[in-house]
Amino acid sequence: MKKVRLLAIGGLLFLGGLTFTSCTNAGASTVQYACPMDCEDGKVYDEAGTCPVCKMDLVDVTTIESME
């Protein structure tokens, strides 16, 4: 009986730990990229690359905001 109780408590602690560790990245921001010429009226991308309209390199959105 003690083994069952210890296993149950251990399982609950383990599941509780998973719950808290899965929430640690909930507020993490992701980097978004946009064209510095704003060819597409504020469209942003999740990956770096080139603008499909003007072919300029996309820049980090925080870089654009600091230029304004």
C-alpha atoms as a PDB file:
ATOM      1  CA  MET A   1       0.000   0.000   0.000  1.00  0.00           C
ATOM      2  CA  LYS A   2       2.839   2.373   0.793  1.00  0.00           C
ATOM      3  CA  LYS A   3       4.402   1.670  -2.613  1.00  0.00           C
ATOM      4  CA  VAL A   4       1.165   2.562  -4.389  1.00  0.00           C
ATOM      5  CA  ARG A   5       0.834   5.766  -2.400  1.00  0.00           C
ATOM      6  CA  LEU A   6       4.466   6.733  -3.092  1.00  0.00           C
ATOM      7  CA  LEU A   7       4.041   6.001  -6.809  1.00  0.00           C
ATOM      8  CA  ALA A   8       0.862   8.084  -6.925  1.00  0.00           C
ATOM      9  CA  ILE A   9       2.507  11.020  -5.173  1.00  0.00           C
ATOM     10  CA  GLY A  10       5.592  10.726  -7.386  1.00  0.00           C
ATOM     11  CA  GLY A  11       3.419  10.657 -10.494  1.00  0.00           C
ATOM     12  CA  LEU A  12       1.512  13.753  -9.428  1.00  0.00           C
ATOM     13  CA  LEU A  13       4.730  15.619  -8.686  1.00  0.00           C
ATOM     14  CA  PHE A  14       6.125  14.596 -12.072  1.00  0.00           C
ATOM     15  CA  LEU A  15       3.009  15.742 -13.946  1.00  0.00           C
ATOM     16  CA  GLY A  16       2.941  18.979 -11.966  1.00  0.00           C
ATOM     17  CA  GLY A  17       6.557  19.620 -12.921  1.00  0.00           C
ATOM     18  CA  LEU A  18       5.746  19.078 -16.594  1.00  0.00           C
ATOM     19  CA  THR A  19       2.923  21.594 -16.369  1.00  0.00           C
ATOM     20  CA  PHE A  20       5.150  24.321 -14.986  1.00  0.00           C
ATOM     21  CA  THR A  21       8.052  23.699 -17.352  1.00  0.00           C
ATOM     22  CA  SER A  22       5.788  23.748 -20.403  1.00  0.00           C
ATOM     23  CA  CYS A  23       4.616  27.264 -19.507  1.00  0.00           C
ATOM     24  CA  THR A  24       8.076  28.816 -19.320  1.00  0.00           C
ATOM     25  CA  ASN A  25       8.179  29.766 -23.019  1.00  0.00           C
ATOM     26  CA  ALA A  26       4.611  31.046 -23.152  1.00  0.00           C
ATOM     27  CA  GLY A  27       5.704  34.693 -23.056  1.00  0.00           C
ATOM     28  CA  ALA A  28       8.746  34.301 -25.307  1.00  0.00           C
ATOM     29  CA  SER A  29       8.690  36.581 -28.287  1.00  0.00           C
ATOM     30  CA  THR A  30       9.523  35.425 -31.764  1.00  0.00           C
ATOM     31  CA  VAL A  31      11.582  37.441 -34.207  1.00  0.00           C
ATOM     32  CA  GLN A  32       9.660  38.736 -37.188  1.00  0.00           C
ATOM     33  CA  TYR A  33      11.097  40.185 -40.364  1.00  0.00           C
ATOM     34  CA  ALA A  34       9.745  42.825 -42.729  1.00  0.00           C
ATOM     35  CA  CYS A  35      10.833  44.757 -45.780  1.00  0.00           C
ATOM     36  CA  PRO A  36      12.526  48.064 -44.858  1.00  0.00           C
ATOM     37  CA  MET A  37      10.704  49.727 -47.779  1.00  0.00           C
ATOM     38  CA  ASP A  38       7.308  48.405 -46.517  1.00  0.00           C
ATOM     39  CA  CYS A  39       6.387  47.188 -50.004  1.00  0.00           C
ATOM     40  CA  GLU A  40       3.588  45.002 -48.688  1.00  0.00           C
ATOM     41  CA  ASP A  41       1.986  47.441 -46.223  1.00  0.00           C
ATOM     42  CA  GLY A  42       3.179  45.973 -42.921  1.00  0.00           C
ATOM     43  CA  LYS A  43       3.422  42.293 -43.871  1.00  0.00           C
ATOM     44  CA  VAL A  44       5.840  40.377 -41.641  1.00  0.00           C
ATOM     45  CA  TYR A  45       7.615  37.059 -42.068  1.00  0.00           C
ATOM     46  CA  ASP A  46       8.784  34.468 -39.528  1.00  0.00           C
ATOM     47  CA  GLU A  47      12.059  33.783 -41.354  1.00  0.00           C
ATOM     48  CA  ALA A  48      14.754  36.031 -42.770  1.00  0.00           C
ATOM     49  CA  GLY A  49      14.924  36.278 -46.538  1.00  0.00           C
ATOM     50  CA  THR A  50      14.268  38.781 -49.298  1.00  0.00           C
ATOM     51  CA  CYS A  51      11.234  40.865 -50.103  1.00  0.00           C
ATOM     52  CA  PRO A  52       9.314  39.262 -52.984  1.00  0.00           C
ATOM     53  CA  VAL A  53       8.497  42.716 -54.410  1.00  0.00           C
ATOM     54  CA  CYS A  54      11.735  44.760 -54.256  1.00  0.00           C
ATOM     55  CA  LYS A  55      14.209  41.920 -53.517  1.00  0.00           C
ATOM     56  CA  MET A  56      15.773  43.781 -50.553  1.00  0.00           C
ATOM     57  CA  ASP A  57      16.867  41.771 -47.515  1.00  0.00           C
ATOM     58  CA  LEU A  58      14.183  41.530 -44.849  1.00  0.00           C
ATOM     59  CA  VAL A  59      15.189  43.072 -41.531  1.00  0.00           C
ATOM     60  CA  ASP A  60      14.181  42.386 -37.944  1.00  0.00           C
ATOM     61  CA  VAL A  61      10.999  44.313 -37.101  1.00  0.00           C
ATOM     62  CA  THR A  62      12.653  45.800 -33.985  1.00  0.00           C
ATOM     63  CA  THR A  63      15.311  47.294 -36.280  1.00  0.00           C
ATOM     64  CA  ILE A  64      12.604  49.028 -38.335  1.00  0.00           C
ATOM     65  CA  GLU A  65      10.893  50.346 -35.195  1.00  0.00           C
ATOM     66  CA  SER A  66      14.152  51.830 -33.923  1.00  0.00           C
ATOM     67  CA  MET A  67      14.613  53.708 -37.229  1.00  0.00           C
ATOM     68  CA  GLU A  68      11.301  55.559 -36.839  1.00  0.00           C
END
